[in-house]
N, C-alpha and C. Protein backbone atom coordinates (compact mmCIF):
# COMPACT_ATOMS: atom_id res chain seq x y z
N MET A 1 -117.40 170.40 71.10
CA MET A 1 -116.76 169.66 70.03
C MET A 1 -117.10 168.18 70.18
N LEU A 2 -117.24 167.49 69.09
CA LEU A 2 -117.57 166.07 69.12
C LEU A 2 -116.43 165.28 69.74
N ASP A 3 -116.78 164.33 70.59
CA ASP A 3 -115.77 163.52 71.25
C ASP A 3 -115.98 162.06 70.87
N HIS A 4 -115.28 161.64 69.85
CA HIS A 4 -115.36 160.26 69.37
C HIS A 4 -113.92 159.80 69.15
N PRO A 5 -113.60 158.56 69.50
CA PRO A 5 -112.21 158.09 69.35
C PRO A 5 -111.66 158.25 67.93
N ALA A 6 -112.47 157.97 66.94
CA ALA A 6 -111.99 158.09 65.55
C ALA A 6 -111.70 159.54 65.20
N LEU A 7 -112.58 160.45 65.61
CA LEU A 7 -112.35 161.87 65.35
C LEU A 7 -111.12 162.38 66.10
N ASN A 8 -110.95 161.93 67.32
CA ASN A 8 -109.77 162.33 68.08
C ASN A 8 -108.50 161.82 67.41
N TRP A 9 -108.56 160.59 66.91
CA TRP A 9 -107.38 160.04 66.24
C TRP A 9 -107.07 160.83 64.96
N LEU A 10 -108.11 161.16 64.18
CA LEU A 10 -107.89 161.93 62.96
C LEU A 10 -107.35 163.33 63.27
N ARG A 11 -107.83 163.94 64.35
CA ARG A 11 -107.32 165.26 64.74
C ARG A 11 -105.85 165.18 65.12
N GLN A 12 -105.43 164.08 65.66
CA GLN A 12 -104.04 163.92 66.06
C GLN A 12 -103.14 163.48 64.90
N HIS A 13 -103.72 163.06 63.80
CA HIS A 13 -102.96 162.63 62.62
C HIS A 13 -103.48 163.38 61.39
N PRO A 14 -103.24 164.67 61.32
CA PRO A 14 -103.84 165.47 60.24
C PRO A 14 -103.27 165.14 58.85
N ARG A 15 -102.04 164.68 58.77
CA ARG A 15 -101.49 164.32 57.46
C ARG A 15 -102.21 163.11 56.89
N PHE A 16 -102.48 162.15 57.76
CA PHE A 16 -103.22 160.96 57.34
C PHE A 16 -104.65 161.34 56.94
N PHE A 17 -105.26 162.23 57.71
CA PHE A 17 -106.59 162.71 57.37
C PHE A 17 -106.60 163.38 56.00
N ALA A 18 -105.58 164.22 55.74
CA ALA A 18 -105.49 164.90 54.44
C ALA A 18 -105.28 163.89 53.31
N LEU A 19 -104.45 162.89 53.56
CA LEU A 19 -104.18 161.85 52.55
C LEU A 19 -105.45 161.07 52.22
N ILE A 20 -106.11 160.57 53.24
CA ILE A 20 -107.32 159.77 53.03
C ILE A 20 -108.43 160.63 52.41
N GLY A 21 -108.58 161.84 52.91
CA GLY A 21 -109.60 162.74 52.36
C GLY A 21 -109.36 163.04 50.90
N SER A 22 -108.11 163.28 50.53
CA SER A 22 -107.78 163.58 49.14
C SER A 22 -108.04 162.38 48.24
N VAL A 23 -107.69 161.19 48.71
CA VAL A 23 -107.93 159.98 47.91
C VAL A 23 -109.44 159.74 47.75
N LEU A 24 -110.21 159.97 48.80
CA LEU A 24 -111.66 159.80 48.70
C LEU A 24 -112.29 160.80 47.73
N ILE A 25 -111.84 162.04 47.78
CA ILE A 25 -112.34 163.05 46.84
C ILE A 25 -111.97 162.66 45.41
N ALA A 26 -110.74 162.21 45.23
CA ALA A 26 -110.30 161.79 43.89
C ALA A 26 -111.12 160.61 43.39
N GLY A 27 -111.42 159.66 44.28
CA GLY A 27 -112.25 158.53 43.89
C GLY A 27 -113.65 158.97 43.47
N TYR A 28 -114.19 159.92 44.19
CA TYR A 28 -115.50 160.45 43.83
C TYR A 28 -115.46 161.13 42.46
N VAL A 29 -114.44 161.96 42.24
CA VAL A 29 -114.31 162.66 40.96
C VAL A 29 -114.10 161.66 39.83
N LEU A 30 -113.31 160.63 40.07
CA LEU A 30 -113.09 159.61 39.05
C LEU A 30 -114.38 158.87 38.73
N SER A 31 -115.21 158.65 39.73
CA SER A 31 -116.46 157.93 39.51
C SER A 31 -117.48 158.75 38.71
N LEU A 32 -117.30 160.06 38.68
CA LEU A 32 -118.23 160.90 37.92
C LEU A 32 -118.08 160.69 36.41
N GLY A 33 -116.90 160.28 35.99
CA GLY A 33 -116.67 159.99 34.58
C GLY A 33 -116.80 161.21 33.67
N GLU A 34 -116.31 162.34 34.12
CA GLU A 34 -116.39 163.55 33.31
C GLU A 34 -115.52 163.43 32.06
N ARG A 35 -115.91 164.19 31.05
CA ARG A 35 -115.15 164.23 29.81
C ARG A 35 -113.78 164.87 30.07
N PRO A 36 -112.71 164.29 29.52
CA PRO A 36 -111.37 164.86 29.74
C PRO A 36 -111.24 166.27 29.15
N ASN A 37 -110.38 167.04 29.77
CA ASN A 37 -110.09 168.39 29.26
C ASN A 37 -109.27 168.29 27.97
N ASP A 38 -109.14 169.40 27.28
CA ASP A 38 -108.45 169.40 25.97
C ASP A 38 -106.99 168.97 26.07
N ASP A 39 -106.28 169.43 27.10
CA ASP A 39 -104.87 169.06 27.25
C ASP A 39 -104.69 167.56 27.51
N ALA A 40 -105.70 166.93 28.07
CA ALA A 40 -105.60 165.50 28.38
C ALA A 40 -105.33 164.68 27.12
N TYR A 41 -105.92 165.09 26.02
CA TYR A 41 -105.72 164.33 24.79
C TYR A 41 -104.27 164.42 24.32
N THR A 42 -103.64 165.57 24.53
CA THR A 42 -102.23 165.72 24.18
C THR A 42 -101.37 164.81 25.06
N TYR A 43 -101.63 164.84 26.37
CA TYR A 43 -100.85 164.02 27.30
C TYR A 43 -101.02 162.54 27.01
N VAL A 44 -102.23 162.11 26.71
CA VAL A 44 -102.48 160.70 26.41
C VAL A 44 -101.82 160.32 25.10
N ARG A 45 -101.86 161.21 24.11
CA ARG A 45 -101.19 160.93 22.83
C ARG A 45 -99.70 160.76 23.03
N VAL A 46 -99.10 161.60 23.85
CA VAL A 46 -97.66 161.50 24.13
C VAL A 46 -97.36 160.19 24.85
N ALA A 47 -98.20 159.81 25.80
CA ALA A 47 -98.00 158.54 26.50
C ALA A 47 -98.12 157.37 25.52
N ASP A 48 -99.06 157.46 24.60
CA ASP A 48 -99.23 156.42 23.60
C ASP A 48 -98.00 156.34 22.68
N ILE A 49 -97.48 157.48 22.29
CA ILE A 49 -96.26 157.50 21.47
C ILE A 49 -95.11 156.87 22.24
N LEU A 50 -95.01 157.18 23.53
CA LEU A 50 -93.96 156.58 24.35
C LEU A 50 -94.07 155.06 24.35
N LEU A 51 -95.27 154.56 24.53
CA LEU A 51 -95.46 153.11 24.61
C LEU A 51 -95.19 152.41 23.29
N HIS A 52 -95.47 153.08 22.17
CA HIS A 52 -95.29 152.43 20.87
C HIS A 52 -93.97 152.76 20.18
N ASP A 53 -93.48 153.99 20.35
CA ASP A 53 -92.28 154.41 19.60
C ASP A 53 -91.08 154.75 20.47
N GLY A 54 -91.26 154.81 21.77
CA GLY A 54 -90.13 155.05 22.66
C GLY A 54 -90.06 156.47 23.21
N LEU A 55 -89.12 156.65 24.10
CA LEU A 55 -88.95 157.90 24.83
C LEU A 55 -88.54 159.06 23.92
N ALA A 56 -87.62 158.80 23.01
CA ALA A 56 -87.15 159.87 22.12
C ALA A 56 -88.28 160.39 21.24
N ALA A 57 -89.12 159.52 20.75
CA ALA A 57 -90.25 159.93 19.92
C ALA A 57 -91.25 160.75 20.74
N ALA A 58 -91.46 160.36 21.98
CA ALA A 58 -92.40 161.09 22.84
C ALA A 58 -91.91 162.50 23.08
N TYR A 59 -90.61 162.65 23.38
CA TYR A 59 -90.06 163.99 23.60
C TYR A 59 -89.96 164.79 22.31
N ALA A 60 -89.80 164.12 21.19
CA ALA A 60 -89.80 164.82 19.91
C ALA A 60 -91.19 165.38 19.60
N TYR A 61 -92.21 164.65 19.96
CA TYR A 61 -93.59 165.09 19.71
C TYR A 61 -93.99 166.21 20.67
N TYR A 62 -93.56 166.08 21.95
CA TYR A 62 -93.95 167.05 22.98
C TYR A 62 -92.77 167.21 23.94
N PRO A 63 -92.10 168.35 23.91
CA PRO A 63 -90.87 168.53 24.70
C PRO A 63 -91.05 168.40 26.22
N TRP A 64 -92.26 168.57 26.75
CA TRP A 64 -92.52 168.46 28.19
C TRP A 64 -93.28 167.16 28.47
N ALA A 65 -92.71 166.06 28.05
CA ALA A 65 -93.41 164.77 28.09
C ALA A 65 -93.30 164.04 29.43
N THR A 66 -92.65 164.62 30.40
CA THR A 66 -92.41 163.92 31.67
C THR A 66 -93.70 163.46 32.34
N TYR A 67 -94.70 164.31 32.37
CA TYR A 67 -95.98 163.96 32.98
C TYR A 67 -96.59 162.75 32.27
N SER A 68 -96.57 162.75 30.96
CA SER A 68 -97.11 161.63 30.20
C SER A 68 -96.29 160.36 30.42
N VAL A 69 -94.98 160.52 30.54
CA VAL A 69 -94.11 159.37 30.79
C VAL A 69 -94.46 158.74 32.14
N LEU A 70 -94.74 159.58 33.13
CA LEU A 70 -95.10 159.05 34.45
C LEU A 70 -96.37 158.21 34.40
N PHE A 71 -97.42 158.74 33.80
CA PHE A 71 -98.65 157.96 33.85
C PHE A 71 -98.70 156.85 32.81
N ALA A 72 -97.80 156.87 31.84
CA ALA A 72 -97.72 155.75 30.89
C ALA A 72 -97.30 154.46 31.59
N HIS A 73 -96.58 154.59 32.69
CA HIS A 73 -96.14 153.41 33.42
C HIS A 73 -97.29 152.67 34.10
N PHE A 74 -98.43 153.33 34.25
CA PHE A 74 -99.59 152.67 34.84
C PHE A 74 -100.20 151.63 33.91
N ILE A 75 -99.71 151.58 32.68
CA ILE A 75 -100.18 150.54 31.75
C ILE A 75 -99.79 149.16 32.28
N LEU A 76 -98.77 149.13 33.14
CA LEU A 76 -98.33 147.86 33.73
C LEU A 76 -99.38 147.25 34.63
N ILE A 77 -100.27 148.07 35.17
CA ILE A 77 -101.35 147.52 36.00
C ILE A 77 -102.67 147.54 35.24
N ASP A 78 -102.56 147.57 33.93
CA ASP A 78 -103.70 147.40 33.03
C ASP A 78 -104.76 148.50 33.16
N LEU A 79 -104.29 149.76 33.21
CA LEU A 79 -105.21 150.90 33.20
C LEU A 79 -105.14 151.56 31.83
N ASP A 80 -106.27 152.05 31.35
CA ASP A 80 -106.19 152.84 30.13
C ASP A 80 -105.51 154.16 30.47
N LEU A 81 -105.04 154.86 29.46
CA LEU A 81 -104.19 156.02 29.70
C LEU A 81 -104.93 157.18 30.36
N PHE A 82 -106.20 157.38 30.06
CA PHE A 82 -106.95 158.45 30.71
C PHE A 82 -107.11 158.16 32.20
N THR A 83 -107.44 156.93 32.53
CA THR A 83 -107.57 156.55 33.94
C THR A 83 -106.22 156.63 34.63
N ALA A 84 -105.18 156.22 33.94
CA ALA A 84 -103.83 156.29 34.51
C ALA A 84 -103.45 157.73 34.84
N GLY A 85 -103.79 158.66 33.96
CA GLY A 85 -103.53 160.07 34.23
C GLY A 85 -104.30 160.56 35.43
N ARG A 86 -105.52 160.11 35.57
CA ARG A 86 -106.33 160.53 36.73
C ARG A 86 -105.82 159.89 38.01
N VAL A 87 -105.32 158.67 37.94
CA VAL A 87 -104.72 158.04 39.13
C VAL A 87 -103.46 158.79 39.54
N LEU A 88 -102.63 159.15 38.57
CA LEU A 88 -101.44 159.94 38.87
C LEU A 88 -101.83 161.27 39.49
N ASN A 89 -102.83 161.93 38.94
CA ASN A 89 -103.30 163.18 39.52
C ASN A 89 -103.80 162.98 40.94
N ALA A 90 -104.50 161.88 41.20
CA ALA A 90 -104.98 161.60 42.56
C ALA A 90 -103.81 161.47 43.53
N LEU A 91 -102.76 160.79 43.10
CA LEU A 91 -101.57 160.66 43.94
C LEU A 91 -100.90 162.01 44.17
N LEU A 92 -100.84 162.82 43.12
CA LEU A 92 -100.23 164.14 43.26
C LEU A 92 -101.08 165.07 44.12
N TYR A 93 -102.40 164.97 44.02
CA TYR A 93 -103.27 165.76 44.90
C TYR A 93 -103.10 165.32 46.35
N ALA A 94 -102.94 164.02 46.58
CA ALA A 94 -102.70 163.53 47.94
C ALA A 94 -101.38 164.07 48.48
N LEU A 95 -100.35 164.08 47.63
CA LEU A 95 -99.06 164.65 48.03
C LEU A 95 -99.20 166.14 48.31
N LEU A 96 -99.99 166.83 47.50
CA LEU A 96 -100.23 168.25 47.71
C LEU A 96 -100.88 168.50 49.07
N ALA A 97 -101.88 167.72 49.41
CA ALA A 97 -102.58 167.89 50.68
C ALA A 97 -101.64 167.61 51.86
N VAL A 98 -100.88 166.54 51.77
CA VAL A 98 -99.94 166.20 52.84
C VAL A 98 -98.85 167.25 52.94
N SER A 99 -98.38 167.75 51.81
CA SER A 99 -97.35 168.79 51.82
C SER A 99 -97.86 170.08 52.45
N PHE A 100 -99.10 170.43 52.16
CA PHE A 100 -99.69 171.64 52.74
C PHE A 100 -99.77 171.51 54.26
N VAL A 101 -100.23 170.37 54.74
CA VAL A 101 -100.33 170.16 56.19
C VAL A 101 -98.93 170.14 56.81
N SER A 102 -97.97 169.55 56.13
CA SER A 102 -96.59 169.53 56.64
C SER A 102 -96.01 170.93 56.71
N LEU A 103 -96.31 171.74 55.70
CA LEU A 103 -95.85 173.13 55.70
C LEU A 103 -96.48 173.89 56.87
N ALA A 104 -97.76 173.70 57.08
CA ALA A 104 -98.42 174.33 58.22
C ALA A 104 -97.80 173.85 59.53
N GLY A 105 -97.43 172.58 59.58
CA GLY A 105 -96.77 172.03 60.76
C GLY A 105 -95.45 172.70 61.06
N GLU A 106 -94.71 173.01 60.03
CA GLU A 106 -93.44 173.72 60.24
C GLU A 106 -93.68 175.14 60.73
N LEU A 107 -94.74 175.77 60.25
CA LEU A 107 -95.02 177.15 60.64
C LEU A 107 -95.50 177.25 62.09
N VAL A 108 -96.12 176.19 62.61
CA VAL A 108 -96.60 176.21 64.00
C VAL A 108 -95.82 175.21 64.84
N ARG A 109 -94.60 175.01 64.49
CA ARG A 109 -93.74 174.02 65.15
C ARG A 109 -93.67 174.21 66.66
N ASN A 110 -93.62 175.45 67.12
CA ASN A 110 -93.41 175.72 68.54
C ASN A 110 -94.70 175.92 69.32
N ALA A 111 -95.84 175.69 68.71
CA ALA A 111 -97.11 175.86 69.41
C ALA A 111 -97.33 174.70 70.38
N GLU A 112 -98.17 174.94 71.38
CA GLU A 112 -98.49 173.86 72.32
C GLU A 112 -99.19 172.73 71.57
N SER A 113 -99.09 171.54 72.08
CA SER A 113 -99.52 170.34 71.37
C SER A 113 -100.99 170.36 70.94
N GLN A 114 -101.88 170.71 71.85
CA GLN A 114 -103.31 170.69 71.52
C GLN A 114 -103.64 171.76 70.47
N ARG A 115 -103.04 172.92 70.62
CA ARG A 115 -103.28 174.00 69.65
C ARG A 115 -102.70 173.63 68.29
N ARG A 116 -101.52 173.02 68.30
CA ARG A 116 -100.88 172.60 67.05
C ARG A 116 -101.74 171.57 66.31
N SER A 117 -102.28 170.61 67.04
CA SER A 117 -103.14 169.60 66.43
C SER A 117 -104.38 170.23 65.81
N ALA A 118 -104.96 171.18 66.50
CA ALA A 118 -106.14 171.86 65.97
C ALA A 118 -105.81 172.65 64.71
N ILE A 119 -104.67 173.32 64.70
CA ILE A 119 -104.27 174.10 63.53
C ILE A 119 -104.00 173.18 62.34
N LEU A 120 -103.34 172.07 62.59
CA LEU A 120 -103.03 171.15 61.49
C LEU A 120 -104.28 170.47 60.95
N PHE A 121 -105.23 170.18 61.82
CA PHE A 121 -106.50 169.62 61.37
C PHE A 121 -107.24 170.64 60.51
N LEU A 122 -107.22 171.89 60.93
CA LEU A 122 -107.84 172.97 60.15
C LEU A 122 -107.13 173.13 58.80
N ALA A 123 -105.80 172.98 58.79
CA ALA A 123 -105.06 173.05 57.52
C ALA A 123 -105.47 171.92 56.59
N ALA A 124 -105.67 170.74 57.14
CA ALA A 124 -106.10 169.59 56.32
C ALA A 124 -107.49 169.84 55.75
N VAL A 125 -108.40 170.32 56.56
CA VAL A 125 -109.75 170.61 56.09
C VAL A 125 -109.71 171.70 55.03
N THR A 126 -108.88 172.71 55.24
CA THR A 126 -108.77 173.82 54.29
C THR A 126 -108.30 173.34 52.93
N VAL A 127 -107.23 172.55 52.89
CA VAL A 127 -106.71 172.11 51.60
C VAL A 127 -107.67 171.15 50.91
N LEU A 128 -108.41 170.37 51.69
CA LEU A 128 -109.36 169.44 51.07
C LEU A 128 -110.59 170.15 50.51
N LEU A 129 -110.97 171.26 51.11
CA LEU A 129 -112.18 171.96 50.67
C LEU A 129 -111.90 173.18 49.81
N TYR A 130 -110.65 173.45 49.52
CA TYR A 130 -110.29 174.65 48.76
C TYR A 130 -110.90 174.57 47.35
N PRO A 131 -111.80 175.48 47.00
CA PRO A 131 -112.55 175.36 45.74
C PRO A 131 -111.69 175.36 44.48
N GLN A 132 -110.68 176.21 44.42
CA GLN A 132 -109.88 176.29 43.20
C GLN A 132 -109.09 175.01 42.95
N LEU A 133 -108.67 174.33 44.00
CA LEU A 133 -107.98 173.05 43.80
C LEU A 133 -108.96 171.98 43.34
N ASN A 134 -110.10 171.92 43.99
CA ASN A 134 -111.08 170.88 43.65
C ASN A 134 -111.69 171.09 42.27
N GLU A 135 -111.67 172.31 41.80
CA GLU A 135 -112.18 172.61 40.47
C GLU A 135 -111.37 171.91 39.38
N TYR A 136 -110.08 171.67 39.65
CA TYR A 136 -109.19 171.07 38.67
C TYR A 136 -109.03 169.56 38.83
N ARG A 137 -109.65 168.96 39.81
CA ARG A 137 -109.45 167.54 40.09
C ARG A 137 -109.83 166.63 38.93
N SER A 138 -110.80 167.01 38.14
CA SER A 138 -111.23 166.15 37.04
C SER A 138 -110.35 166.31 35.80
N MET A 139 -109.46 167.27 35.81
CA MET A 139 -108.62 167.55 34.63
C MET A 139 -107.27 166.85 34.74
N LEU A 140 -106.72 166.51 33.58
CA LEU A 140 -105.35 166.02 33.53
C LEU A 140 -104.47 167.24 33.28
N ILE A 141 -103.79 167.68 34.33
CA ILE A 141 -102.88 168.83 34.22
C ILE A 141 -101.59 168.52 34.96
N ARG A 142 -100.51 169.07 34.45
CA ARG A 142 -99.20 168.87 35.06
C ARG A 142 -99.01 169.72 36.31
N ASP A 143 -99.79 170.76 36.46
CA ASP A 143 -99.58 171.74 37.51
C ASP A 143 -99.64 171.16 38.91
N VAL A 144 -100.43 170.14 39.11
CA VAL A 144 -100.63 169.58 40.45
C VAL A 144 -99.31 169.07 41.02
N GLY A 145 -98.53 168.41 40.20
CA GLY A 145 -97.22 167.93 40.64
C GLY A 145 -96.31 169.08 41.01
N TYR A 146 -96.34 170.14 40.23
CA TYR A 146 -95.53 171.33 40.53
C TYR A 146 -95.95 171.92 41.87
N TRP A 147 -97.25 172.07 42.07
CA TRP A 147 -97.74 172.66 43.33
C TRP A 147 -97.34 171.79 44.52
N ALA A 148 -97.49 170.48 44.38
CA ALA A 148 -97.18 169.58 45.48
C ALA A 148 -95.70 169.63 45.85
N PHE A 149 -94.84 169.55 44.85
CA PHE A 149 -93.41 169.56 45.15
C PHE A 149 -92.91 170.94 45.56
N MET A 150 -93.58 171.99 45.10
CA MET A 150 -93.24 173.33 45.55
C MET A 150 -93.52 173.47 47.05
N LEU A 151 -94.69 173.01 47.49
CA LEU A 151 -95.02 173.07 48.91
C LEU A 151 -94.09 172.19 49.73
N LEU A 152 -93.77 171.02 49.22
CA LEU A 152 -92.86 170.12 49.92
C LEU A 152 -91.47 170.74 50.03
N GLY A 153 -91.01 171.37 48.96
CA GLY A 153 -89.72 172.05 49.00
C GLY A 153 -89.71 173.22 49.97
N LEU A 154 -90.78 173.98 50.00
CA LEU A 154 -90.89 175.10 50.94
C LEU A 154 -90.89 174.60 52.38
N GLN A 155 -91.59 173.51 52.62
CA GLN A 155 -91.61 172.92 53.96
C GLN A 155 -90.20 172.49 54.36
N GLN A 156 -89.46 171.88 53.44
CA GLN A 156 -88.10 171.46 53.74
C GLN A 156 -87.17 172.65 53.98
N LEU A 157 -87.36 173.71 53.22
CA LEU A 157 -86.55 174.92 53.40
C LEU A 157 -86.79 175.52 54.78
N ILE A 158 -88.04 175.58 55.19
CA ILE A 158 -88.35 176.11 56.52
C ILE A 158 -87.80 175.20 57.61
N ALA A 159 -87.88 173.89 57.40
CA ALA A 159 -87.33 172.95 58.39
C ALA A 159 -85.83 173.14 58.55
N VAL A 160 -85.13 173.34 57.45
CA VAL A 160 -83.69 173.56 57.51
C VAL A 160 -83.38 174.90 58.18
N SER A 161 -84.22 175.90 57.93
CA SER A 161 -83.96 177.22 58.53
C SER A 161 -84.09 177.18 60.04
N TYR A 162 -84.88 176.24 60.58
CA TYR A 162 -85.01 176.10 62.02
C TYR A 162 -83.78 175.49 62.67
N THR A 163 -82.96 174.84 61.89
CA THR A 163 -81.76 174.21 62.45
C THR A 163 -80.65 175.22 62.67
N HIS A 164 -80.81 176.44 62.20
CA HIS A 164 -79.85 177.53 62.36
C HIS A 164 -78.50 177.21 61.72
N LEU A 165 -78.52 176.41 60.68
CA LEU A 165 -77.29 176.12 59.95
C LEU A 165 -77.17 177.09 58.80
N THR A 166 -75.97 177.51 58.53
CA THR A 166 -75.75 178.35 57.36
C THR A 166 -75.52 177.47 56.16
N LEU A 167 -75.68 178.03 54.97
CA LEU A 167 -75.51 177.22 53.75
C LEU A 167 -74.14 176.59 53.63
N PRO A 168 -73.04 177.31 53.93
CA PRO A 168 -71.74 176.61 53.84
C PRO A 168 -71.65 175.42 54.78
N THR A 169 -72.29 175.50 55.95
CA THR A 169 -72.28 174.38 56.88
C THR A 169 -73.04 173.20 56.32
N ILE A 170 -74.15 173.47 55.67
CA ILE A 170 -74.95 172.40 55.10
C ILE A 170 -74.20 171.70 53.97
N TYR A 171 -73.55 172.48 53.10
CA TYR A 171 -72.86 171.89 51.96
C TYR A 171 -71.56 171.22 52.33
N SER A 172 -70.99 171.54 53.48
CA SER A 172 -69.72 170.93 53.84
C SER A 172 -69.89 169.56 54.49
N VAL A 173 -71.13 169.19 54.80
CA VAL A 173 -71.38 167.90 55.45
C VAL A 173 -71.20 166.77 54.49
């Protein structure tokens, strides 16, 4: 195995590796300048309605306007709406990668340190190279946020289950 201080550091910090790797992949995909998918035009239209006519008009036009509302706020840093949607997706993909590695960390919580680091590094590489995820990186889709928060929620559920607390005990605190 290669022995370089930077590689050793990345192996010991797999969440950071997943975060940086995901942002780099997103930057590459953004630089390709691919044509937006069909749904992207709907999301951008809803964001435009939000900016010009308000929140009620945006939800009247499209009942699931939350995704568009999120990336409409990037207008504050002077991004066009298509780029803003891709930046939001990049952030959500980064959260997805970190959540996946965190979930893997919970599953191998009791492994020895060196083995755990290797497994988490492998989890980071897996989520970064997973073809079906990378296939959607150029698209503006709401699903990425759902996937990221689903994995994060599952990781939290497993973390709580390790504490051996029952639900009434958790809610009574």
